[in-house]
Amino acid sequence: QVQLVESGGGLVQPGGSLRLSCAASGSIVRFTTMGWYRQAPGKQRELVATITSALYTNYADSVKGRFTISRDNAKNTVYLQMNSLKPEDTAVYYCHVNVGSGLWGQGTQVTVSS
C-alpha cells in the first residue's frame, strides 16, 4: 500500500518562504496526479495546487504567482515551494495522490506569523 510522508512545514515570518515535500512509498504515483491541499482552523480543506503526470499544473487563485508545485518522478516526490507567505496561508498542508480512492498524507503545519 502506498504511503505518503510529508515534511518541510514550520513557522515563518510574513514574506518568507518554505518548501514542502511529500514522498510516496510506491512508484505508481508517477503515473498519477499529485497535489497539495490545506485546512485552516474552522475552515474546510481546500485545493492549493495539483500537478499531473504530464506536468500540467493548477493553482488556487489565492496562491498563484507565489507558490510553485513540482514533482520528481525518480524520487516519487511532489514539492510545494511557497514564497511571499502571508498570515492567511497558515494551515495544515496535506499531500494528496490520485491512487485508488485517493490517498492523503498526515499533514504538516505551516504557520506564518511575526
PDB file of N, CA and C in Angstrom:
ATOM      1  N   GLN A   1       0.839  -1.186   0.000  1.00  0.00           N
ATOM      2  CA  GLN A   1       0.000   0.000   0.000  1.00  0.00           C
ATOM      3  C   GLN A   1       0.879   1.242   0.000  1.00  0.00           C
ATOM      4  N   VAL A   2       0.490   2.217  -0.826  1.00  0.00           N
ATOM      5  CA  VAL A   2       1.269   3.447  -0.927  1.00  0.00           C
ATOM      6  C   VAL A   2       1.072   4.280   0.324  1.00  0.00           C
ATOM      7  N   GLN A   3       2.162   4.805   0.846  1.00  0.00           N
ATOM      8  CA  GLN A   3       2.101   5.726   1.972  1.00  0.00           C
ATOM      9  C   GLN A   3       2.797   7.020   1.591  1.00  0.00           C
ATOM     10  N   LEU A   4       2.305   8.110   2.184  1.00  0.00           N
ATOM     11  CA  LEU A   4       2.839   9.434   1.892  1.00  0.00           C
ATOM     12  C   LEU A   4       3.454  10.019   3.151  1.00  0.00           C
ATOM     13  N   VAL A   5       4.643  10.574   3.016  1.00  0.00           N
ATOM     14  CA  VAL A   5       5.324  11.196   4.151  1.00  0.00           C
ATOM     15  C   VAL A   5       5.674  12.627   3.786  1.00  0.00           C
ATOM     16  N   GLU A   6       5.105  13.550   4.544  1.00  0.00           N
ATOM     17  CA  GLU A   6       5.308  14.963   4.268  1.00  0.00           C
ATOM     18  C   GLU A   6       6.370  15.546   5.190  1.00  0.00           C
ATOM     19  N   SER A   7       6.999  16.598   4.714  1.00  0.00           N
ATOM     20  CA  SER A   7       7.980  17.305   5.545  1.00  0.00           C
ATOM     21  C   SER A   7       8.117  18.734   5.043  1.00  0.00           C
ATOM     22  N   GLY A   8       8.711  19.585   5.870  1.00  0.00           N
ATOM     23  CA  GLY A   8       9.034  20.931   5.438  1.00  0.00           C
ATOM     24  C   GLY A   8       8.210  22.044   6.054  1.00  0.00           C
ATOM     25  N   GLY A   9       7.205  21.702   6.835  1.00  0.00           N
ATOM     26  CA  GLY A   9       6.411  22.754   7.463  1.00  0.00           C
ATOM     27  C   GLY A   9       7.178  23.446   8.578  1.00  0.00           C
ATOM     28  N   GLY A  10       6.562  24.485   9.120  1.00  0.00           N
ATOM     29  CA  GLY A  10       7.198  25.192  10.220  1.00  0.00           C
ATOM     30  C   GLY A  10       6.640  26.582  10.397  1.00  0.00           C
ATOM     31  N   LEU A  11       7.365  27.368  11.187  1.00  0.00           N
ATOM     32  CA  LEU A  11       6.984  28.755  11.464  1.00  0.00           C
ATOM     33  C   LEU A  11       7.856  29.684  10.624  1.00  0.00           C
ATOM     34  N   VAL A  12       7.218  30.629   9.958  1.00  0.00           N
ATOM     35  CA  VAL A  12       7.949  31.570   9.122  1.00  0.00           C
ATOM     36  C   VAL A  12       7.301  32.942   9.233  1.00  0.00           C
ATOM     37  N   GLN A  13       8.090  33.966   9.071  1.00  0.00           N
ATOM     38  CA  GLN A  13       7.559  35.322   9.117  1.00  0.00           C
ATOM     39  C   GLN A  13       6.881  35.682   7.803  1.00  0.00           C
ATOM     40  N   PRO A  14       5.932  36.601   7.845  1.00  0.00           N
ATOM     41  CA  PRO A  14       5.306  37.059   6.590  1.00  0.00           C
ATOM     42  C   PRO A  14       6.367  37.511   5.591  1.00  0.00           C
ATOM     43  N   GLY A  15       6.153  37.110   4.345  1.00  0.00           N
ATOM     44  CA  GLY A  15       7.122  37.402   3.292  1.00  0.00           C
ATOM     45  C   GLY A  15       8.177  36.333   3.118  1.00  0.00           C
ATOM     46  N   GLY A  16       8.218  35.396   4.036  1.00  0.00           N
ATOM     47  CA  GLY A  16       9.209  34.332   3.977  1.00  0.00           C
ATOM     48  C   GLY A  16       8.821  33.202   3.045  1.00  0.00           C
ATOM     49  N   SER A  17       9.672  32.176   3.044  1.00  0.00           N
ATOM     50  CA  SER A  17       9.475  31.038   2.148  1.00  0.00           C
ATOM     51  C   SER A  17       9.607  29.724   2.901  1.00  0.00           C
ATOM     52  N   LEU A  18       8.918  28.729   2.395  1.00  0.00           N
ATOM     53  CA  LEU A  18       9.043  27.354   2.863  1.00  0.00           C
ATOM     54  C   LEU A  18       8.911  26.429   1.665  1.00  0.00           C
ATOM     55  N   ARG A  19       9.500  25.249   1.800  1.00  0.00           N
ATOM     56  CA  ARG A  19       9.348  24.229   0.772  1.00  0.00           C
ATOM     57  C   ARG A  19       8.849  22.944   1.417  1.00  0.00           C
ATOM     58  N   LEU A  20       7.684  22.507   0.952  1.00  0.00           N
ATOM     59  CA  LEU A  20       7.113  21.263   1.441  1.00  0.00           C
ATOM     60  C   LEU A  20       7.484  20.120   0.497  1.00  0.00           C
ATOM     61  N   SER A  21       7.668  18.952   1.080  1.00  0.00           N
ATOM     62  CA  SER A  21       7.947  17.743   0.298  1.00  0.00           C
ATOM     63  C   SER A  21       6.985  16.647   0.704  1.00  0.00           C
ATOM     64  N   CYS A  22       6.646  15.809  -0.240  1.00  0.00           N
ATOM     65  CA  CYS A  22       5.786  14.650   0.024  1.00  0.00           C
ATOM     66  C   CYS A  22       6.360  13.475  -0.751  1.00  0.00           C
ATOM     67  N   ALA A  23       6.874  12.520  -0.018  1.00  0.00           N
ATOM     68  CA  ALA A  23       7.483  11.349  -0.632  1.00  0.00           C
ATOM     69  C   ALA A  23       6.528  10.164  -0.538  1.00  0.00           C
ATOM     70  N   ALA A  24       6.322   9.509  -1.674  1.00  0.00           N
ATOM     71  CA  ALA A  24       5.449   8.331  -1.725  1.00  0.00           C
ATOM     72  C   ALA A  24       6.284   7.062  -1.704  1.00  0.00           C
ATOM     73  N   SER A  25       5.709   6.029  -1.095  1.00  0.00           N
ATOM     74  CA  SER A  25       6.456   4.778  -0.956  1.00  0.00           C
ATOM     75  C   SER A  25       6.376   3.903  -2.186  1.00  0.00           C
ATOM     76  N   GLY A  26       5.464   4.218  -3.114  1.00  0.00           N
ATOM     77  CA  GLY A  26       5.295   3.395  -4.295  1.00  0.00           C
ATOM     78  C   GLY A  26       5.509   4.173  -5.579  1.00  0.00           C
ATOM     79  N   SER A  27       6.081   3.517  -6.579  1.00  0.00           N
ATOM     80  CA  SER A  27       6.376   4.200  -7.834  1.00  0.00           C
ATOM     81  C   SER A  27       5.136   4.432  -8.688  1.00  0.00           C
ATOM     82  N   ILE A  28       4.014   3.833  -8.313  1.00  0.00           N
ATOM     83  CA  ILE A  28       2.799   4.009  -9.107  1.00  0.00           C
ATOM     84  C   ILE A  28       2.373   5.470  -9.155  1.00  0.00           C
ATOM     85  N   VAL A  29       2.795   6.256  -8.159  1.00  0.00           N
ATOM     86  CA  VAL A  29       2.353   7.642  -8.097  1.00  0.00           C
ATOM     87  C   VAL A  29       2.870   8.463  -9.263  1.00  0.00           C
ATOM     88  N   ARG A  30       3.944   7.994  -9.911  1.00  0.00           N
ATOM     89  CA  ARG A  30       4.484   8.775 -11.018  1.00  0.00           C
ATOM     90  C   ARG A  30       3.528   8.816 -12.199  1.00  0.00           C
ATOM     91  N   PHE A  31       2.496   7.975 -12.178  1.00  0.00           N
ATOM     92  CA  PHE A  31       1.527   7.947 -13.276  1.00  0.00           C
ATOM     93  C   PHE A  31       0.233   8.675 -12.916  1.00  0.00           C
ATOM     94  N   THR A  32       0.229   9.337 -11.763  1.00  0.00           N
ATOM     95  CA  THR A  32      -1.000   9.939 -11.266  1.00  0.00           C
ATOM     96  C   THR A  32      -0.831  11.436 -11.015  1.00  0.00           C
ATOM     97  N   THR A  33      -1.973  12.081 -10.801  1.00  0.00           N
ATOM     98  CA  THR A  33      -1.956  13.473 -10.376  1.00  0.00           C
ATOM     99  C   THR A  33      -1.645  13.540  -8.885  1.00  0.00           C
ATOM    100  N   MET A  34      -0.754  14.436  -8.534  1.00  0.00           N
ATOM    101  CA  MET A  34      -0.398  14.678  -7.134  1.00  0.00           C
ATOM    102  C   MET A  34      -0.723  16.118  -6.798  1.00  0.00           C
ATOM    103  N   GLY A  35      -1.014  16.363  -5.543  1.00  0.00           N
ATOM    104  CA  GLY A  35      -1.385  17.726  -5.202  1.00  0.00           C
ATOM    105  C   GLY A  35      -1.233  18.058  -3.737  1.00  0.00           C
ATOM    106  N   TRP A  36      -1.458  19.320  -3.458  1.00  0.00           N
ATOM    107  CA  TRP A  36      -1.425  19.835  -2.097  1.00  0.00           C
ATOM    108  C   TRP A  36      -2.756  20.515  -1.780  1.00  0.00           C
ATOM    109  N   TYR A  37      -3.246  20.259  -0.601  1.00  0.00           N
ATOM    110  CA  TYR A  37      -4.443  20.894  -0.075  1.00  0.00           C
ATOM    111  C   TYR A  37      -4.079  21.485   1.286  1.00  0.00           C
ATOM    112  N   ARG A  38      -4.931  22.351   1.786  1.00  0.00           N
ATOM    113  CA  ARG A  38      -4.680  22.901   3.116  1.00  0.00           C
ATOM    114  C   ARG A  38      -5.992  23.106   3.862  1.00  0.00           C
ATOM    115  N   GLN A  39      -5.870  23.093   5.173  1.00  0.00           N
ATOM    116  CA  GLN A  39      -7.045  23.300   6.012  1.00  0.00           C
ATOM    117  C   GLN A  39      -6.657  24.203   7.174  1.00  0.00           C
ATOM    118  N   ALA A  40      -7.287  25.364   7.210  1.00  0.00           N
ATOM    119  CA  ALA A  40      -7.079  26.309   8.304  1.00  0.00           C
ATOM    120  C   ALA A  40      -8.094  26.023   9.405  1.00  0.00           C
ATOM    121  N   PRO A  41      -7.815  26.435  10.616  1.00  0.00           N
ATOM    122  CA  PRO A  41      -8.754  26.188  11.721  1.00  0.00           C
ATOM    123  C   PRO A  41     -10.139  26.753  11.413  1.00  0.00           C
ATOM    124  N   GLY A  42     -11.150  25.911  11.604  1.00  0.00           N
ATOM    125  CA  GLY A  42     -12.519  26.338  11.383  1.00  0.00           C
ATOM    126  C   GLY A  42     -12.936  26.439   9.939  1.00  0.00           C
ATOM    127  N   LYS A  43     -12.064  26.010   9.023  1.00  0.00           N
ATOM    128  CA  LYS A  43     -12.389  26.099   7.595  1.00  0.00           C
ATOM    129  C   LYS A  43     -12.317  24.727   6.951  1.00  0.00           C
ATOM    130  N   GLN A  44     -12.924  24.628   5.781  1.00  0.00           N
ATOM    131  CA  GLN A  44     -12.874  23.377   5.033  1.00  0.00           C
ATOM    132  C   GLN A  44     -11.523  23.223   4.337  1.00  0.00           C
ATOM    133  N   ARG A  45     -11.180  21.977   4.082  1.00  0.00           N
ATOM    134  CA  ARG A  45      -9.960  21.701   3.327  1.00  0.00           C
ATOM    135  C   ARG A  45     -10.136  22.247   1.910  1.00  0.00           C
ATOM    136  N   GLU A  46      -9.093  22.894   1.391  1.00  0.00           N
ATOM    137  CA  GLU A  46      -9.175  23.498   0.074  1.00  0.00           C
ATOM    138  C   GLU A  46      -7.964  23.134  -0.771  1.00  0.00           C
ATOM    139  N   LEU A  47      -8.193  23.146  -2.075  1.00  0.00           N
ATOM    140  CA  LEU A  47      -7.126  22.878  -3.018  1.00  0.00           C
ATOM    141  C   LEU A  47      -6.109  24.005  -2.998  1.00  0.00           C
ATOM    142  N   VAL A  48      -4.833  23.642  -3.021  1.00  0.00           N
ATOM    143  CA  VAL A  48      -3.759  24.619  -3.178  1.00  0.00           C
ATOM    144  C   VAL A  48      -3.183  24.511  -4.588  1.00  0.00           C
ATOM    145  N   ALA A  49      -2.759  23.314  -4.974  1.00  0.00           N
ATOM    146  CA  ALA A  49      -2.161  23.123  -6.288  1.00  0.00           C
ATOM    147  C   ALA A  49      -2.129  21.646  -6.627  1.00  0.00           C
ATOM    148  N   THR A  50      -2.206  21.351  -7.928  1.00  0.00           N
ATOM    149  CA  THR A  50      -2.061  19.982  -8.400  1.00  0.00           C
ATOM    150  C   THR A  50      -1.111  19.946  -9.587  1.00  0.00           C
ATOM    151  N   ILE A  51      -0.544  18.774  -9.812  1.00  0.00           N
ATOM    152  CA  ILE A  51       0.334  18.567 -10.960  1.00  0.00           C
ATOM    153  C   ILE A  51       0.066  17.177 -11.511  1.00  0.00           C
ATOM    154  N   THR A  52      -0.180  17.102 -12.821  1.00  0.00           N
ATOM    155  CA  THR A  52      -0.473  15.816 -13.437  1.00  0.00           C
ATOM    156  C   THR A  52       0.819  15.084 -13.788  1.00  0.00           C
ATOM    157  N   SER A  53       0.670  13.842 -14.233  1.00  0.00           N
ATOM    158  CA  SER A  53       1.837  13.067 -14.648  1.00  0.00           C
ATOM    159  C   SER A  53       2.500  13.697 -15.872  1.00  0.00           C
ATOM    160  N   ALA A  54       1.719  14.477 -16.637  1.00  0.00           N
ATOM    161  CA  ALA A  54       2.267  15.174 -17.806  1.00  0.00           C
ATOM    162  C   ALA A  54       2.770  16.566 -17.448  1.00  0.00           C
ATOM    163  N   LEU A  55       2.798  16.863 -16.161  1.00  0.00           N
ATOM    164  CA  LEU A  55       3.342  18.112 -15.610  1.00  0.00           C
ATOM    165  C   LEU A  55       2.459  19.333 -15.843  1.00  0.00           C
ATOM    166  N   TYR A  56       1.180  19.096 -16.100  1.00  0.00           N
ATOM    167  CA  TYR A  56       0.249  20.216 -16.129  1.00  0.00           C
ATOM    168  C   TYR A  56      -0.065  20.611 -14.698  1.00  0.00           C
ATOM    169  N   THR A  57      -0.065  21.911 -14.444  1.00  0.00           N
ATOM    170  CA  THR A  57      -0.283  22.394 -13.085  1.00  0.00           C
ATOM    171  C   THR A  57      -1.564  23.217 -12.975  1.00  0.00           C
ATOM    172  N   ASN A  58      -2.103  23.239 -11.770  1.00  0.00           N
ATOM    173  CA  ASN A  58      -3.296  24.017 -11.475  1.00  0.00           C
ATOM    174  C   ASN A  58      -3.124  24.608 -10.090  1.00  0.00           C
ATOM    175  N   TYR A  59      -3.502  25.875  -9.935  1.00  0.00           N
ATOM    176  CA  TYR A  59      -3.323  26.559  -8.657  1.00  0.00           C
ATOM    177  C   TYR A  59      -4.608  27.251  -8.212  1.00  0.00           C
ATOM    178  N   ALA A  60      -4.768  27.329  -6.916  1.00  0.00           N
ATOM    179  CA  ALA A  60      -5.823  28.179  -6.363  1.00  0.00           C
ATOM    180  C   ALA A  60      -5.459  29.631  -6.658  1.00  0.00           C
ATOM    181  N   ASP A  61      -6.468  30.445  -6.893  1.00  0.00           N
ATOM    182  CA  ASP A  61      -6.207  31.856  -7.209  1.00  0.00           C
ATOM    183  C   ASP A  61      -5.414  32.539  -6.105  1.00  0.00           C
ATOM    184  N   SER A  62      -5.640  32.125  -4.879  1.00  0.00           N
ATOM    185  CA  SER A  62      -5.012  32.787  -3.733  1.00  0.00           C
ATOM    186  C   SER A  62      -3.508  32.564  -3.666  1.00  0.00           C
ATOM    187  N   VAL A  63      -2.991  31.567  -4.391  1.00  0.00           N
ATOM    188  CA  VAL A  63      -1.552  31.275  -4.310  1.00  0.00           C
ATOM    189  C   VAL A  63      -0.833  31.467  -5.639  1.00  0.00           C
ATOM    190  N   LYS A  64      -1.575  31.774  -6.686  1.00  0.00           N
ATOM    191  CA  LYS A  64      -0.944  31.955  -7.999  1.00  0.00           C
ATOM    192  C   LYS A  64       0.125  33.050  -7.936  1.00  0.00           C
ATOM    193  N   GLY A  65       1.268  32.743  -8.533  1.00  0.00           N
ATOM    194  CA  GLY A  65       2.359  33.707  -8.542  1.00  0.00           C
ATOM    195  C   GLY A  65       3.239  33.650  -7.308  1.00  0.00           C
ATOM    196  N   ARG A  66       2.798  32.929  -6.284  1.00  0.00           N
ATOM    197  CA  ARG A  66       3.592  32.821  -5.056  1.00  0.00           C
ATOM    198  C   ARG A  66       4.051  31.387  -4.786  1.00  0.00           C
ATOM    199  N   PHE A  67       3.222  30.419  -5.128  1.00  0.00           N
ATOM    200  CA  PHE A  67       3.532  29.012  -4.878  1.00  0.00           C
ATOM    201  C   PHE A  67       3.842  28.313  -6.203  1.00  0.00           C
ATOM    202  N   THR A  68       4.725  27.325  -6.117  1.00  0.00           N
ATOM    203  CA  THR A  68       5.057  26.521  -7.286  1.00  0.00           C
ATOM    204  C   THR A  68       5.071  25.055  -6.897  1.00  0.00           C
ATOM    205  N   ILE A  69       4.285  24.262  -7.628  1.00  0.00           N
ATOM    206  CA  ILE A  69       4.265  22.820  -7.406  1.00  0.00           C
ATOM    207  C   ILE A  69       5.157  22.155  -8.444  1.00  0.00           C
ATOM    208  N   SER A  70       5.870  21.126  -8.012  1.00  0.00           N
ATOM    209  CA  SER A  70       6.730  20.382  -8.925  1.00  0.00           C
ATOM    210  C   SER A  70       6.801  18.936  -8.441  1.00  0.00           C
ATOM    211  N   ARG A  71       7.357  18.095  -9.275  1.00  0.00           N
ATOM    212  CA  ARG A  71       7.476  16.687  -8.894  1.00  0.00           C
ATOM    213  C   ARG A  71       8.763  16.103  -9.452  1.00  0.00           C
ATOM    214  N   ASP A  72       9.258  15.091  -8.759  1.00  0.00           N
ATOM    215  CA  ASP A  72      10.426  14.337  -9.193  1.00  0.00           C
ATOM    216  C   ASP A  72      10.007  12.876  -9.220  1.00  0.00           C
ATOM    217  N   ASN A  73       9.696  12.385 -10.406  1.00  0.00           N
ATOM    218  CA  ASN A  73       9.185  11.023 -10.508  1.00  0.00           C
ATOM    219  C   ASN A  73      10.240   9.979 -10.129  1.00  0.00           C
ATOM    220  N   ALA A  74      11.493  10.299 -10.305  1.00  0.00           N
ATOM    221  CA  ALA A  74      12.546   9.350  -9.915  1.00  0.00           C
ATOM    222  C   ALA A  74      12.538   9.120  -8.405  1.00  0.00           C
ATOM    223  N   LYS A  75      12.070  10.124  -7.671  1.00  0.00           N
ATOM    224  CA  LYS A  75      12.016  10.029  -6.212  1.00  0.00           C
ATOM    225  C   LYS A  75      10.598   9.848  -5.698  1.00  0.00           C
ATOM    226  N   ASN A  76       9.618   9.745  -6.619  1.00  0.00           N
ATOM    227  CA  ASN A  76       8.208   9.606  -6.213  1.00  0.00           C
ATOM    228  C   ASN A  76       7.813  10.707  -5.232  1.00  0.00           C
ATOM    229  N   THR A  77       8.226  11.919  -5.531  1.00  0.00           N
ATOM    230  CA  THR A  77       8.066  13.034  -4.596  1.00  0.00           C
ATOM    231  C   THR A  77       7.450  14.236  -5.293  1.00  0.00           C
ATOM    232  N   VAL A  78       6.575  14.910  -4.563  1.00  0.00           N
ATOM    233  CA  VAL A  78       5.997  16.159  -5.027  1.00  0.00           C
ATOM    234  C   VAL A  78       6.403  17.256  -4.049  1.00  0.00           C
ATOM    235  N   TYR A  79       6.641  18.439  -4.589  1.00  0.00           N
ATOM    236  CA  TYR A  79       7.102  19.561  -3.792  1.00  0.00           C
ATOM    237  C   TYR A  79       6.133  20.739  -3.912  1.00  0.00           C
ATOM    238  N   LEU A  80       6.162  21.594  -2.911  1.00  0.00           N
ATOM    239  CA  LEU A  80       5.424  22.846  -2.975  1.00  0.00           C
ATOM    240  C   LEU A  80       6.354  23.946  -2.456  1.00  0.00           C
ATOM    241  N   GLN A  81       6.827  24.768  -3.372  1.00  0.00           N
ATOM    242  CA  GLN A  81       7.647  25.912  -2.994  1.00  0.00           C
ATOM    243  C   GLN A  81       6.713  27.078  -2.719  1.00  0.00           C
ATOM    244  N   MET A  82       6.790  27.599  -1.508  1.00  0.00           N
ATOM    245  CA  MET A  82       5.893  28.671  -1.093  1.00  0.00           C
ATOM    246  C   MET A  82       6.713  29.924  -0.799  1.00  0.00           C
ATOM    247  N   ASN A  83       6.476  30.954  -1.577  1.00  0.00           N
ATOM    248  CA  ASN A  83       7.176  32.231  -1.410  1.00  0.00           C
ATOM    249  C   ASN A  83       6.187  33.323  -1.033  1.00  0.00           C
ATOM    250  N   SER A  84       6.708  34.424  -0.549  1.00  0.00           N
ATOM    251  CA  SER A  84       5.862  35.575  -0.180  1.00  0.00           C
ATOM    252  C   SER A  84       4.702  35.142   0.699  1.00  0.00           C
ATOM    253  N   LEU A  85       5.009  34.356   1.691  1.00  0.00           N
ATOM    254  CA  LEU A  85       3.957  33.802   2.546  1.00  0.00           C
ATOM    255  C   LEU A  85       3.227  34.888   3.325  1.00  0.00           C
ATOM    256  N   LYS A  86       1.941  34.658   3.506  1.00  0.00           N
ATOM    257  CA  LYS A  86       1.071  35.591   4.216  1.00  0.00           C
ATOM    258  C   LYS A  86       0.460  34.894   5.435  1.00  0.00           C
ATOM    259  N   PRO A  87       0.041  35.661   6.421  1.00  0.00           N
ATOM    260  CA  PRO A  87      -0.603  35.028   7.585  1.00  0.00           C
ATOM    261  C   PRO A  87      -1.794  34.151   7.201  1.00  0.00           C
ATOM    262  N   GLU A  88      -2.501  34.530   6.157  1.00  0.00           N
ATOM    263  CA  GLU A  88      -3.651  33.726   5.730  1.00  0.00           C
ATOM    264  C   GLU A  88      -3.267  32.407   5.084  1.00  0.00           C
ATOM    265  N   ASP A  89      -1.986  32.183   4.859  1.00  0.00           N
ATOM    266  CA  ASP A  89      -1.526  30.887   4.378  1.00  0.00           C
ATOM    267  C   ASP A  89      -1.361  29.877   5.525  1.00  0.00           C
ATOM    268  N   THR A  90      -1.521  30.340   6.735  1.00  0.00           N
ATOM    269  CA  THR A  90      -1.405  29.457   7.891  1.00  0.00           C
ATOM    270  C   THR A  90      -2.456  28.352   7.836  1.00  0.00           C
ATOM    271  N   ALA A  91      -2.000  27.118   7.892  1.00  0.00           N
ATOM    272  CA  ALA A  91      -2.901  25.971   7.781  1.00  0.00           C
ATOM    273  C   ALA A  91      -2.094  24.685   7.939  1.00  0.00           C
ATOM    274  N   VAL A  92      -2.804  23.592   8.043  1.00  0.00           N
ATOM    275  CA  VAL A  92      -2.175  22.281   7.893  1.00  0.00           C
ATOM    276  C   VAL A  92      -2.231  21.929   6.410  1.00  0.00           C
ATOM    277  N   TYR A  93      -1.092  21.597   5.857  1.00  0.00           N
ATOM    278  CA  TYR A  93      -0.984  21.277   4.436  1.00  0.00           C
ATOM    279  C   TYR A  93      -0.912  19.768   4.257  1.00  0.00           C
ATOM    280  N   TYR A  94      -1.751  19.262   3.344  1.00  0.00           N
ATOM    281  CA  TYR A  94      -1.846  17.834   3.102  1.00  0.00           C
ATOM    282  C   TYR A  94      -1.466  17.507   1.663  1.00  0.00           C
ATOM    283  N   CYS A  95      -0.709  16.472   1.526  1.00  0.00           N
ATOM    284  CA  CYS A  95      -0.388  15.919   0.214  1.00  0.00           C
ATOM    285  C   CYS A  95      -1.497  14.952  -0.192  1.00  0.00           C
ATOM    286  N   HIS A  96      -1.807  14.910  -1.474  1.00  0.00           N
ATOM    287  CA  HIS A  96      -2.842  14.007  -1.972  1.00  0.00           C
ATOM    288  C   HIS A  96      -2.362  13.365  -3.266  1.00  0.00           C
ATOM    289  N   VAL A  97      -2.680  12.092  -3.424  1.00  0.00           N
ATOM    290  CA  VAL A  97      -2.321  11.356  -4.632  1.00  0.00           C
ATOM    291  C   VAL A  97      -3.556  10.620  -5.141  1.00  0.00           C
ATOM    292  N   ASN A  98      -3.795  10.686  -6.446  1.00  0.00           N
ATOM    293  CA  ASN A  98      -4.949  10.016  -7.044  1.00  0.00           C
ATOM    294  C   ASN A  98      -4.630   8.546  -7.298  1.00  0.00           C
ATOM    295  N   VAL A  99      -4.508   7.794  -6.236  1.00  0.00           N
ATOM    296  CA  VAL A  99      -4.344   6.347  -6.309  1.00  0.00           C
ATOM    297  C   VAL A  99      -5.526   5.702  -5.611  1.00  0.00           C
ATOM    298  N   GLY A 100      -6.192   4.770  -6.305  1.00  0.00           N
ATOM    299  CA  GLY A 100      -7.376   4.155  -5.720  1.00  0.00           C
ATOM    300  C   GLY A 100      -8.439   5.218  -5.478  1.00  0.00           C
ATOM    301  N   SER A 101      -8.951   5.249  -4.278  1.00  0.00           N
ATOM    302  CA  SER A 101      -9.960   6.250  -3.910  1.00  0.00           C
ATOM    303  C   SER A 101      -9.313   7.547  -3.429  1.00  0.00           C
ATOM    304  N   GLY A 102      -8.024   7.637  -3.521  1.00  0.00           N
ATOM    305  CA  GLY A 102      -7.320   8.845  -3.104  1.00  0.00           C
ATOM    306  C   GLY A 102      -6.581   8.626  -1.797  1.00  0.00           C
ATOM    307  N   LEU A 103      -5.348   9.060  -1.761  1.00  0.00           N
ATOM    308  CA  LEU A 103      -4.531   8.904  -0.553  1.00  0.00           C
ATOM    309  C   LEU A 103      -4.135  10.272  -0.023  1.00  0.00           C
ATOM    310  N   TRP A 104      -4.096  10.382   1.297  1.00  0.00           N
ATOM    311  CA  TRP A 104      -3.717  11.631   1.952  1.00  0.00           C
ATOM    312  C   TRP A 104      -2.493  11.412   2.841  1.00  0.00           C
ATOM    313  N   GLY A 105      -1.647  12.424   2.897  1.00  0.00           N
ATOM    314  CA  GLY A 105      -0.562  12.416   3.856  1.00  0.00           C
ATOM    315  C   GLY A 105      -1.083  12.782   5.229  1.00  0.00           C
ATOM    316  N   GLN A 106      -0.165  12.791   6.195  1.00  0.00           N
ATOM    317  CA  GLN A 106      -0.570  13.032   7.575  1.00  0.00           C
ATOM    318  C   GLN A 106      -0.744  14.509   7.874  1.00  0.00           C
ATOM    319  N   GLY A 107      -0.260  15.356   6.987  1.00  0.00           N
ATOM    320  CA  GLY A 107      -0.372  16.794   7.174  1.00  0.00           C
ATOM    321  C   GLY A 107       0.861  17.384   7.829  1.00  0.00           C
ATOM    322  N   THR A 108       1.179  18.608   7.434  1.00  0.00           N
ATOM    323  CA  THR A 108       2.296  19.324   8.039  1.00  0.00           C
ATOM    324  C   THR A 108       1.856  20.763   8.302  1.00  0.00           C
ATOM    325  N   GLN A 109       2.147  21.259   9.486  1.00  0.00           N
ATOM    326  CA  GLN A 109       1.683  22.584   9.892  1.00  0.00           C
ATOM    327  C   GLN A 109       2.569  23.672   9.301  1.00  0.00           C
ATOM    328  N   VAL A 110       1.917  24.653   8.710  1.00  0.00           N
ATOM    329  CA  VAL A 110       2.603  25.859   8.243  1.00  0.00           C
ATOM    330  C   VAL A 110       1.994  27.042   8.992  1.00  0.00           C
ATOM    331  N   THR A 111       2.833  27.783   9.689  1.00  0.00           N
ATOM    332  CA  THR A 111       2.372  28.944  10.435  1.00  0.00           C
ATOM    333  C   THR A 111       3.150  30.169   9.972  1.00  0.00           C
ATOM    334  N   VAL A 112       2.397  31.175   9.528  1.00  0.00           N
ATOM    335  CA  VAL A 112       3.011  32.414   9.054  1.00  0.00           C
ATOM    336  C   VAL A 112       2.646  33.510  10.051  1.00  0.00           C
ATOM    337  N   SER A 113       3.644  33.956  10.785  1.00  0.00           N
ATOM    338  CA  SER A 113       3.379  34.914  11.854  1.00  0.00           C
ATOM    339  C   SER A 113       4.658  35.667  12.197  1.00  0.00           C
ATOM    340  N   SER A 114       4.480  36.914  12.592  1.00  0.00           N
ATOM    341  CA  SER A 114       5.628  37.706  13.037  1.00  0.00           C
ATOM    342  C   SER A 114       5.791  37.596  14.551  1.00  0.00           C
TER     343      SER A 114
END
